């Protein structure tokens, strides 16, 4: 059974975490260096979280669901995988190699994001503890949902206009990539 019951549950936990992380004074310099907009598209349940990292002239922005931001990097994964990743239980390189996390966008930007997240692991755990979500702290590192078990969120999830269909088509739209 999935850790999150619906998209609102994803937004209340992972979305809130991304919002807090984006304004964390300790994380801001590293996020600023990344200089990108990235989007997490989760399955089971379907949810979309889009993050524009801070810039000299603009604060960070995190949109949950519909967005006008155009992501440079898109990460598609099961919500359970995203949750276990932020608990520090998923190795990003292994998950990418196995297809548990699928990416769209410049490889250099994807690789730049991965090391930035490690300081977030204890913060995510602290947020779950503070919000009384002990049930989410019981995640088992041995559970590995496969990305191929369900399709990516559909265009109806509200990201088609913001993601740019030519930059980040769903797997069903581009069979030559698989």
N, C-alpha and C. Protein backbone atom coordinates (compact mmCIF):
# COMPACT_ATOMS: atom_id res chain seq x y z
N UNK A 1 0.84 -1.18 0.00
CA UNK A 1 0.00 0.00 0.00
C UNK A 1 0.89 1.25 0.00
N UNK A 2 0.54 2.24 -0.82
CA UNK A 2 1.37 3.45 -0.88
C UNK A 2 1.41 4.20 0.46
N UNK A 3 2.49 4.93 0.67
CA UNK A 3 2.63 5.72 1.89
C UNK A 3 1.64 6.88 1.92
N UNK A 4 1.36 7.46 0.75
CA UNK A 4 0.49 8.63 0.67
C UNK A 4 -0.86 8.22 0.09
N UNK A 5 -1.95 8.72 0.69
CA UNK A 5 -3.28 8.30 0.24
C UNK A 5 -3.75 9.01 -1.01
N UNK A 6 -3.28 10.25 -1.24
CA UNK A 6 -3.69 11.01 -2.43
C UNK A 6 -2.70 12.14 -2.65
N UNK A 7 -2.96 12.92 -3.71
CA UNK A 7 -2.04 14.02 -4.06
C UNK A 7 -1.94 15.03 -2.93
N UNK A 8 -3.04 15.32 -2.26
CA UNK A 8 -3.01 16.28 -1.16
C UNK A 8 -2.08 15.81 -0.04
N UNK A 9 -2.04 14.52 0.22
CA UNK A 9 -1.14 13.96 1.23
C UNK A 9 0.31 14.13 0.79
N UNK A 10 0.58 13.93 -0.51
CA UNK A 10 1.93 14.16 -1.05
C UNK A 10 2.32 15.62 -0.85
N UNK A 11 1.40 16.54 -1.22
CA UNK A 11 1.70 17.96 -1.10
C UNK A 11 1.89 18.38 0.35
N UNK A 12 1.11 17.79 1.26
CA UNK A 12 1.20 18.15 2.68
C UNK A 12 2.51 17.68 3.30
N UNK A 13 3.17 16.72 2.69
CA UNK A 13 4.42 16.19 3.24
C UNK A 13 5.61 16.53 2.35
N UNK A 14 5.69 15.94 1.17
CA UNK A 14 6.81 16.23 0.27
C UNK A 14 6.77 17.68 -0.22
N UNK A 15 5.58 18.17 -0.55
CA UNK A 15 5.46 19.55 -1.03
C UNK A 15 5.86 20.56 0.03
N UNK A 16 5.36 20.36 1.24
CA UNK A 16 5.74 21.23 2.36
C UNK A 16 7.25 21.18 2.57
N UNK A 17 7.81 19.99 2.53
CA UNK A 17 9.25 19.84 2.71
C UNK A 17 10.03 20.62 1.65
N UNK A 18 9.63 20.50 0.38
CA UNK A 18 10.32 21.23 -0.68
C UNK A 18 10.21 22.74 -0.47
N UNK A 19 9.05 23.19 -0.02
CA UNK A 19 8.90 24.63 0.26
C UNK A 19 9.83 25.08 1.38
N UNK A 20 9.92 24.29 2.43
CA UNK A 20 10.79 24.65 3.55
C UNK A 20 12.25 24.59 3.13
N UNK A 21 12.61 23.58 2.38
CA UNK A 21 13.99 23.42 1.94
C UNK A 21 14.41 24.58 1.03
N UNK A 22 13.50 25.04 0.19
CA UNK A 22 13.85 26.09 -0.77
C UNK A 22 14.16 27.43 -0.11
N UNK A 23 13.66 27.65 1.11
CA UNK A 23 13.93 28.91 1.81
C UNK A 23 14.88 28.73 2.99
N UNK A 24 15.40 27.53 3.16
CA UNK A 24 16.33 27.25 4.26
C UNK A 24 17.63 28.02 4.02
N UNK A 25 18.04 28.89 4.97
CA UNK A 25 19.25 29.69 4.76
C UNK A 25 20.51 28.86 4.52
N UNK A 26 20.57 27.65 5.08
CA UNK A 26 21.74 26.80 4.86
C UNK A 26 21.75 26.18 3.47
N UNK A 27 20.57 26.01 2.87
CA UNK A 27 20.47 25.39 1.55
C UNK A 27 20.52 26.41 0.42
N UNK A 28 20.16 27.66 0.71
CA UNK A 28 20.02 28.68 -0.33
C UNK A 28 21.26 28.82 -1.24
N UNK A 29 22.48 28.90 -0.69
CA UNK A 29 23.64 29.06 -1.58
C UNK A 29 23.79 27.91 -2.58
N UNK A 30 23.61 26.69 -2.13
CA UNK A 30 23.74 25.54 -3.04
C UNK A 30 22.62 25.53 -4.07
N UNK A 31 21.40 25.83 -3.64
CA UNK A 31 20.28 25.87 -4.58
C UNK A 31 20.48 26.99 -5.61
N UNK A 32 21.02 28.10 -5.15
CA UNK A 32 21.28 29.23 -6.06
C UNK A 32 22.29 28.82 -7.13
N UNK A 33 23.32 28.06 -6.74
CA UNK A 33 24.32 27.60 -7.71
C UNK A 33 23.70 26.66 -8.75
N UNK A 34 22.68 25.91 -8.37
CA UNK A 34 22.03 24.99 -9.31
C UNK A 34 21.35 25.75 -10.44
N UNK A 35 20.84 26.94 -10.14
CA UNK A 35 20.25 27.83 -11.13
C UNK A 35 19.38 27.08 -12.14
N UNK A 36 18.29 26.49 -11.63
CA UNK A 36 17.41 25.73 -12.51
C UNK A 36 15.99 25.72 -11.97
N UNK A 37 15.10 25.24 -12.77
CA UNK A 37 13.74 24.93 -12.33
C UNK A 37 13.56 23.45 -12.58
N UNK A 38 13.17 22.72 -11.54
CA UNK A 38 12.97 21.28 -11.71
C UNK A 38 11.58 20.89 -11.24
N UNK A 39 11.14 19.76 -11.75
CA UNK A 39 9.79 19.29 -11.43
C UNK A 39 9.86 17.83 -11.03
N UNK A 40 9.18 17.51 -9.94
CA UNK A 40 9.00 16.12 -9.52
C UNK A 40 7.59 15.71 -9.92
N UNK A 41 7.50 14.68 -10.73
CA UNK A 41 6.20 14.12 -11.11
C UNK A 41 6.10 12.75 -10.46
N UNK A 42 5.19 12.62 -9.53
CA UNK A 42 5.07 11.34 -8.84
C UNK A 42 3.86 10.56 -9.33
N UNK A 43 3.95 9.24 -9.16
CA UNK A 43 2.87 8.31 -9.44
C UNK A 43 2.49 7.64 -8.13
N UNK A 44 1.28 7.16 -8.06
CA UNK A 44 0.80 6.38 -6.91
C UNK A 44 0.99 7.11 -5.59
N UNK A 45 0.40 8.23 -5.37
CA UNK A 45 -0.55 8.95 -6.20
C UNK A 45 0.14 9.94 -7.13
N UNK A 46 -0.61 10.33 -8.17
CA UNK A 46 -0.11 11.33 -9.12
C UNK A 46 -0.06 12.69 -8.46
N UNK A 47 1.07 13.35 -8.54
CA UNK A 47 1.24 14.69 -8.00
C UNK A 47 2.38 15.36 -8.77
N UNK A 48 2.35 16.69 -8.82
CA UNK A 48 3.39 17.45 -9.51
C UNK A 48 3.87 18.57 -8.60
N UNK A 49 5.18 18.62 -8.37
CA UNK A 49 5.80 19.67 -7.55
C UNK A 49 6.91 20.30 -8.39
N UNK A 50 6.84 21.62 -8.56
CA UNK A 50 7.79 22.33 -9.40
C UNK A 50 8.54 23.36 -8.55
N UNK A 51 9.87 23.34 -8.66
CA UNK A 51 10.72 24.19 -7.83
C UNK A 51 11.63 25.04 -8.72
N UNK A 52 11.54 26.36 -8.54
CA UNK A 52 12.51 27.26 -9.16
C UNK A 52 13.48 27.64 -8.05
N UNK A 53 14.74 27.34 -8.26
CA UNK A 53 15.74 27.64 -7.24
C UNK A 53 15.91 29.16 -7.13
N UNK A 54 16.39 29.64 -5.97
CA UNK A 54 16.54 31.10 -5.79
C UNK A 54 17.57 31.67 -6.76
N UNK A 55 17.36 32.93 -7.09
CA UNK A 55 18.28 33.66 -7.95
C UNK A 55 18.60 34.98 -7.27
N UNK A 56 19.58 35.69 -7.79
CA UNK A 56 19.95 36.97 -7.20
C UNK A 56 18.76 37.92 -7.13
N UNK A 57 17.95 37.93 -8.17
CA UNK A 57 16.85 38.88 -8.26
C UNK A 57 15.47 38.29 -7.92
N UNK A 58 15.41 36.98 -7.61
CA UNK A 58 14.12 36.34 -7.33
C UNK A 58 14.25 35.32 -6.20
N UNK A 59 13.25 35.28 -5.33
CA UNK A 59 13.24 34.23 -4.31
C UNK A 59 12.87 32.89 -4.95
N UNK A 60 13.05 31.79 -4.25
CA UNK A 60 12.64 30.50 -4.81
C UNK A 60 11.12 30.46 -4.94
N UNK A 61 10.65 29.57 -5.77
CA UNK A 61 9.21 29.36 -5.92
C UNK A 61 8.95 27.87 -5.97
N UNK A 62 7.97 27.41 -5.20
CA UNK A 62 7.58 26.00 -5.22
C UNK A 62 6.08 25.96 -5.49
N UNK A 63 5.71 25.36 -6.61
CA UNK A 63 4.30 25.20 -6.97
C UNK A 63 3.90 23.74 -6.79
N UNK A 64 2.75 23.56 -6.19
CA UNK A 64 2.21 22.21 -5.99
C UNK A 64 1.00 22.08 -6.90
N UNK A 65 1.08 21.15 -7.85
CA UNK A 65 0.02 21.00 -8.83
C UNK A 65 0.29 21.89 -10.03
N UNK A 66 -0.76 22.57 -10.49
CA UNK A 66 -0.63 23.45 -11.67
C UNK A 66 0.44 24.51 -11.44
N UNK A 67 1.13 24.85 -12.52
CA UNK A 67 2.21 25.83 -12.44
C UNK A 67 2.37 26.56 -13.76
N UNK A 68 2.91 27.75 -13.69
CA UNK A 68 3.29 28.48 -14.90
C UNK A 68 4.80 28.38 -15.14
N UNK A 69 5.51 27.80 -14.18
CA UNK A 69 6.96 27.61 -14.33
C UNK A 69 7.24 26.57 -15.42
N UNK A 70 8.34 26.74 -16.12
CA UNK A 70 8.74 25.79 -17.16
C UNK A 70 10.00 25.07 -16.67
N UNK A 71 9.85 23.81 -16.24
CA UNK A 71 11.01 23.10 -15.69
C UNK A 71 12.05 22.77 -16.74
N UNK A 72 13.30 22.92 -16.33
CA UNK A 72 14.44 22.55 -17.16
C UNK A 72 14.74 21.06 -16.98
N UNK A 73 14.46 20.56 -15.76
CA UNK A 73 14.69 19.16 -15.40
C UNK A 73 13.39 18.58 -14.87
N UNK A 74 13.04 17.39 -15.34
CA UNK A 74 11.85 16.70 -14.85
C UNK A 74 12.29 15.34 -14.32
N UNK A 75 11.86 15.03 -13.10
CA UNK A 75 12.14 13.74 -12.48
C UNK A 75 10.80 13.02 -12.30
N UNK A 76 10.68 11.82 -12.85
CA UNK A 76 9.46 11.02 -12.70
C UNK A 76 9.78 9.82 -11.82
N UNK A 77 8.94 9.63 -10.79
CA UNK A 77 9.17 8.52 -9.87
C UNK A 77 7.91 8.25 -9.06
N UNK A 78 7.86 7.09 -8.45
CA UNK A 78 6.75 6.79 -7.55
C UNK A 78 6.87 7.67 -6.33
N UNK A 79 5.73 8.07 -5.77
CA UNK A 79 5.73 8.89 -4.55
C UNK A 79 6.43 8.14 -3.42
N UNK A 80 6.28 6.81 -3.37
CA UNK A 80 6.96 6.02 -2.34
C UNK A 80 8.47 6.12 -2.49
N UNK A 81 8.96 6.10 -3.73
CA UNK A 81 10.40 6.22 -3.97
C UNK A 81 10.89 7.60 -3.56
N UNK A 82 10.11 8.64 -3.88
CA UNK A 82 10.49 10.00 -3.47
C UNK A 82 10.56 10.10 -1.95
N UNK A 83 9.58 9.53 -1.28
CA UNK A 83 9.54 9.55 0.19
C UNK A 83 10.76 8.84 0.76
N UNK A 84 11.03 7.63 0.28
CA UNK A 84 12.17 6.87 0.81
C UNK A 84 13.50 7.55 0.44
N UNK A 85 13.54 8.22 -0.72
CA UNK A 85 14.75 8.97 -1.09
C UNK A 85 15.03 10.04 -0.04
N UNK A 86 14.02 10.83 0.34
CA UNK A 86 14.23 11.91 1.29
C UNK A 86 14.50 11.40 2.69
N UNK A 87 14.16 10.14 2.95
CA UNK A 87 14.56 9.53 4.22
C UNK A 87 16.00 9.02 4.17
N UNK A 88 16.63 9.11 3.00
CA UNK A 88 18.01 8.65 2.84
C UNK A 88 18.12 7.16 2.57
N UNK A 89 17.02 6.54 2.14
CA UNK A 89 17.00 5.09 1.94
C UNK A 89 17.14 4.66 0.48
N UNK A 90 17.20 5.62 -0.43
CA UNK A 90 17.31 5.30 -1.85
C UNK A 90 18.57 5.96 -2.40
N UNK A 91 19.41 5.17 -3.02
CA UNK A 91 20.61 5.67 -3.68
C UNK A 91 20.19 6.20 -5.04
N UNK A 92 20.38 7.49 -5.27
CA UNK A 92 19.91 8.12 -6.51
C UNK A 92 20.55 7.47 -7.75
N UNK A 93 21.84 7.18 -7.71
CA UNK A 93 22.51 6.59 -8.87
C UNK A 93 21.91 5.23 -9.21
N UNK A 94 21.66 4.42 -8.20
CA UNK A 94 21.08 3.10 -8.43
C UNK A 94 19.64 3.23 -8.95
N UNK A 95 18.87 4.13 -8.34
CA UNK A 95 17.48 4.32 -8.77
C UNK A 95 17.41 4.83 -10.21
N UNK A 96 18.33 5.71 -10.59
CA UNK A 96 18.39 6.19 -11.97
C UNK A 96 18.75 5.04 -12.91
N UNK A 97 19.74 4.24 -12.53
CA UNK A 97 20.18 3.13 -13.37
C UNK A 97 19.08 2.08 -13.55
N UNK A 98 18.31 1.83 -12.50
CA UNK A 98 17.25 0.83 -12.55
C UNK A 98 15.97 1.35 -13.18
N UNK A 99 15.89 2.65 -13.42
CA UNK A 99 14.68 3.22 -13.99
C UNK A 99 13.63 3.57 -12.95
N UNK A 100 13.95 3.46 -11.67
CA UNK A 100 13.00 3.85 -10.62
C UNK A 100 12.81 5.36 -10.60
N UNK A 101 13.83 6.10 -11.05
CA UNK A 101 13.74 7.54 -11.25
C UNK A 101 14.10 7.77 -12.71
N UNK A 102 13.19 8.43 -13.42
CA UNK A 102 13.45 8.77 -14.83
C UNK A 102 13.59 10.27 -14.94
N UNK A 103 14.50 10.69 -15.80
CA UNK A 103 14.78 12.13 -15.90
C UNK A 103 14.61 12.62 -17.33
N UNK A 104 14.31 13.90 -17.42
CA UNK A 104 14.30 14.63 -18.68
C UNK A 104 15.03 15.93 -18.41
N UNK A 105 15.86 16.34 -19.36
CA UNK A 105 16.59 17.59 -19.19
C UNK A 105 18.08 17.36 -19.27
N UNK A 106 18.85 18.44 -19.19
CA UNK A 106 20.31 18.34 -19.31
C UNK A 106 20.91 17.49 -18.19
N UNK A 107 21.72 16.51 -18.57
CA UNK A 107 22.34 15.62 -17.60
C UNK A 107 23.16 16.40 -16.56
N UNK A 108 23.82 17.45 -17.00
CA UNK A 108 24.64 18.24 -16.06
C UNK A 108 23.78 18.84 -14.95
N UNK A 109 22.58 19.29 -15.30
CA UNK A 109 21.68 19.86 -14.28
C UNK A 109 21.18 18.77 -13.34
N UNK A 110 20.84 17.61 -13.89
CA UNK A 110 20.38 16.49 -13.05
C UNK A 110 21.49 16.12 -12.07
N UNK A 111 22.71 15.98 -12.56
CA UNK A 111 23.83 15.59 -11.70
C UNK A 111 24.15 16.67 -10.67
N UNK A 112 23.88 17.92 -10.99
CA UNK A 112 24.13 19.01 -10.05
C UNK A 112 23.13 18.97 -8.89
N UNK A 113 21.91 18.53 -9.15
CA UNK A 113 20.87 18.51 -8.12
C UNK A 113 21.11 17.41 -7.08
N UNK A 114 21.61 16.26 -7.52
CA UNK A 114 21.71 15.11 -6.63
C UNK A 114 22.52 15.38 -5.35
N UNK A 115 23.74 15.93 -5.42
CA UNK A 115 24.48 16.14 -4.17
C UNK A 115 23.90 17.25 -3.29
N UNK A 116 23.08 18.09 -3.85
CA UNK A 116 22.50 19.18 -3.06
C UNK A 116 21.50 18.68 -2.02
N UNK A 117 20.97 17.50 -2.24
CA UNK A 117 19.84 17.07 -1.43
C UNK A 117 20.21 16.39 -0.12
N UNK A 118 21.41 15.88 0.00
CA UNK A 118 21.77 15.14 1.22
C UNK A 118 21.50 15.90 2.51
N UNK A 119 21.78 17.21 2.59
CA UNK A 119 21.46 17.92 3.83
C UNK A 119 19.96 17.93 4.14
N UNK A 120 19.15 17.62 3.15
CA UNK A 120 17.71 17.60 3.37
C UNK A 120 17.21 16.35 4.08
N UNK A 121 17.99 15.28 4.08
CA UNK A 121 17.53 14.02 4.68
C UNK A 121 17.09 14.18 6.13
N UNK A 122 17.93 14.72 7.01
CA UNK A 122 17.48 14.86 8.41
C UNK A 122 16.35 15.87 8.55
N UNK A 123 16.32 16.86 7.69
CA UNK A 123 15.24 17.86 7.76
C UNK A 123 13.88 17.22 7.44
N UNK A 124 13.85 16.33 6.46
CA UNK A 124 12.60 15.66 6.10
C UNK A 124 12.10 14.81 7.28
N UNK A 125 13.02 14.05 7.86
CA UNK A 125 12.66 13.23 9.02
C UNK A 125 12.12 14.11 10.15
N UNK A 126 12.78 15.23 10.41
CA UNK A 126 12.33 16.15 11.47
C UNK A 126 10.95 16.71 11.17
N UNK A 127 10.69 17.04 9.91
CA UNK A 127 9.38 17.56 9.54
C UNK A 127 8.30 16.51 9.78
N UNK A 128 8.57 15.25 9.41
CA UNK A 128 7.58 14.19 9.62
C UNK A 128 7.32 13.98 11.11
N UNK A 129 8.38 14.02 11.91
CA UNK A 129 8.22 13.88 13.36
C UNK A 129 7.39 15.02 13.92
N UNK A 130 7.69 16.24 13.49
CA UNK A 130 6.99 17.43 14.00
C UNK A 130 5.51 17.42 13.61
N UNK A 131 5.19 16.83 12.46
CA UNK A 131 3.80 16.81 12.02
C UNK A 131 3.06 15.55 12.48
N UNK A 132 3.72 14.73 13.30
CA UNK A 132 3.07 13.54 13.84
C UNK A 132 2.86 12.43 12.83
N UNK A 133 3.68 12.39 11.79
CA UNK A 133 3.52 11.35 10.76
C UNK A 133 4.51 10.21 10.99
N UNK A 134 4.44 9.60 12.17
CA UNK A 134 5.30 8.46 12.48
C UNK A 134 5.08 7.33 11.49
N UNK A 135 3.84 7.22 10.96
CA UNK A 135 3.56 6.17 9.98
C UNK A 135 4.49 6.28 8.76
N UNK A 136 4.85 7.50 8.39
CA UNK A 136 5.74 7.68 7.25
C UNK A 136 7.20 7.42 7.60
N UNK A 137 7.52 7.44 8.87
CA UNK A 137 8.89 7.15 9.29
C UNK A 137 9.18 5.66 9.30
N UNK A 138 8.16 4.84 9.13
CA UNK A 138 8.32 3.40 9.13
C UNK A 138 8.67 2.84 7.76
N UNK A 139 9.05 3.70 6.82
CA UNK A 139 9.37 3.26 5.46
C UNK A 139 10.49 2.23 5.49
N UNK A 140 10.30 1.17 4.74
CA UNK A 140 11.30 0.11 4.67
C UNK A 140 12.24 0.35 3.49
N UNK A 141 13.56 0.37 3.74
CA UNK A 141 14.50 0.59 2.64
C UNK A 141 14.48 -0.55 1.63
N UNK A 142 13.99 -1.72 2.00
CA UNK A 142 14.02 -2.85 1.08
C UNK A 142 12.88 -2.81 0.07
N UNK A 143 11.85 -2.00 0.32
CA UNK A 143 10.75 -1.88 -0.63
C UNK A 143 11.21 -1.02 -1.79
N UNK A 144 11.12 -1.57 -2.98
CA UNK A 144 11.56 -0.83 -4.15
C UNK A 144 10.49 -0.91 -5.23
N UNK A 145 9.52 -0.01 -5.21
CA UNK A 145 8.51 0.00 -6.28
C UNK A 145 9.20 0.26 -7.61
N UNK A 146 8.78 -0.45 -8.64
CA UNK A 146 9.37 -0.26 -9.96
C UNK A 146 8.59 0.80 -10.71
N UNK A 147 9.32 1.68 -11.39
CA UNK A 147 8.68 2.77 -12.14
C UNK A 147 7.77 2.23 -13.23
N UNK A 148 8.04 1.03 -13.73
CA UNK A 148 7.26 0.49 -14.83
C UNK A 148 5.90 -0.06 -14.39
N UNK A 149 5.63 -0.11 -13.09
CA UNK A 149 4.38 -0.66 -12.61
C UNK A 149 3.19 0.24 -12.89
N UNK A 150 3.40 1.51 -13.12
CA UNK A 150 2.29 2.40 -13.40
C UNK A 150 2.76 3.51 -14.33
N UNK A 151 1.82 4.08 -15.08
CA UNK A 151 2.21 5.14 -16.01
C UNK A 151 2.53 6.44 -15.28
N UNK A 152 3.24 7.30 -15.97
CA UNK A 152 3.53 8.64 -15.44
C UNK A 152 2.23 9.42 -15.36
N UNK A 153 2.17 10.46 -14.52
CA UNK A 153 0.96 11.28 -14.46
C UNK A 153 0.59 11.79 -15.84
N UNK A 154 -0.69 11.81 -16.11
CA UNK A 154 -1.17 12.21 -17.43
C UNK A 154 -1.11 13.71 -17.61
N UNK A 155 -1.31 14.13 -18.84
CA UNK A 155 -1.34 15.55 -19.15
C UNK A 155 -2.41 16.25 -18.32
N UNK A 156 -3.47 15.52 -17.93
CA UNK A 156 -4.56 16.12 -17.17
C UNK A 156 -4.13 16.50 -15.76
N UNK A 157 -2.94 16.11 -15.35
CA UNK A 157 -2.45 16.48 -14.02
C UNK A 157 -2.09 17.95 -13.95
N UNK A 158 -2.14 18.66 -15.09
CA UNK A 158 -1.95 20.10 -15.07
C UNK A 158 -0.55 20.56 -15.41
N UNK A 159 0.34 19.64 -15.82
CA UNK A 159 1.69 20.08 -16.05
C UNK A 159 2.01 20.25 -17.53
N UNK A 160 1.07 19.96 -18.43
CA UNK A 160 1.41 19.98 -19.84
C UNK A 160 1.84 21.35 -20.31
N UNK A 161 1.16 22.40 -19.89
CA UNK A 161 1.53 23.73 -20.34
C UNK A 161 2.86 24.17 -19.74
N UNK A 162 3.11 23.80 -18.49
CA UNK A 162 4.32 24.28 -17.82
C UNK A 162 5.55 23.47 -18.17
N UNK A 163 5.37 22.20 -18.51
CA UNK A 163 6.52 21.34 -18.73
C UNK A 163 7.08 21.47 -20.13
N UNK A 164 6.28 21.92 -21.06
CA UNK A 164 6.76 22.00 -22.44
C UNK A 164 6.80 20.62 -23.03
N UNK A 165 5.76 20.27 -23.79
CA UNK A 165 5.62 18.90 -24.27
C UNK A 165 6.85 18.42 -25.03
N UNK A 166 7.52 19.28 -25.78
CA UNK A 166 8.66 18.82 -26.55
C UNK A 166 9.87 18.53 -25.67
N UNK A 167 9.94 19.15 -24.50
CA UNK A 167 11.08 18.94 -23.63
C UNK A 167 10.91 17.73 -22.72
N UNK A 168 9.67 17.41 -22.37
CA UNK A 168 9.48 16.34 -21.40
C UNK A 168 8.24 15.53 -21.71
N UNK A 169 8.24 14.81 -22.84
CA UNK A 169 7.08 14.00 -23.18
C UNK A 169 6.95 12.82 -22.23
N UNK A 170 5.73 12.35 -22.08
CA UNK A 170 5.55 11.16 -21.25
C UNK A 170 6.06 9.95 -22.03
N UNK A 171 6.27 8.86 -21.34
CA UNK A 171 6.83 7.68 -21.97
C UNK A 171 5.93 7.17 -23.09
N UNK A 172 4.62 7.29 -22.96
CA UNK A 172 3.70 6.79 -23.97
C UNK A 172 3.77 7.63 -25.24
N UNK A 173 4.23 8.85 -25.15
CA UNK A 173 4.30 9.72 -26.30
C UNK A 173 5.61 9.54 -27.08
N UNK A 174 6.60 8.92 -26.47
CA UNK A 174 7.90 8.80 -27.14
C UNK A 174 8.46 7.41 -26.97
N UNK A 175 7.87 6.42 -27.66
CA UNK A 175 8.33 5.04 -27.48
C UNK A 175 9.75 4.82 -27.95
N UNK A 176 10.31 5.70 -28.76
CA UNK A 176 11.68 5.50 -29.23
C UNK A 176 12.72 5.74 -28.14
N UNK A 177 12.31 6.42 -27.04
CA UNK A 177 13.27 6.69 -25.98
C UNK A 177 13.50 5.47 -25.08
N UNK A 178 12.56 4.58 -24.99
CA UNK A 178 12.64 3.47 -24.04
C UNK A 178 13.45 2.41 -24.55
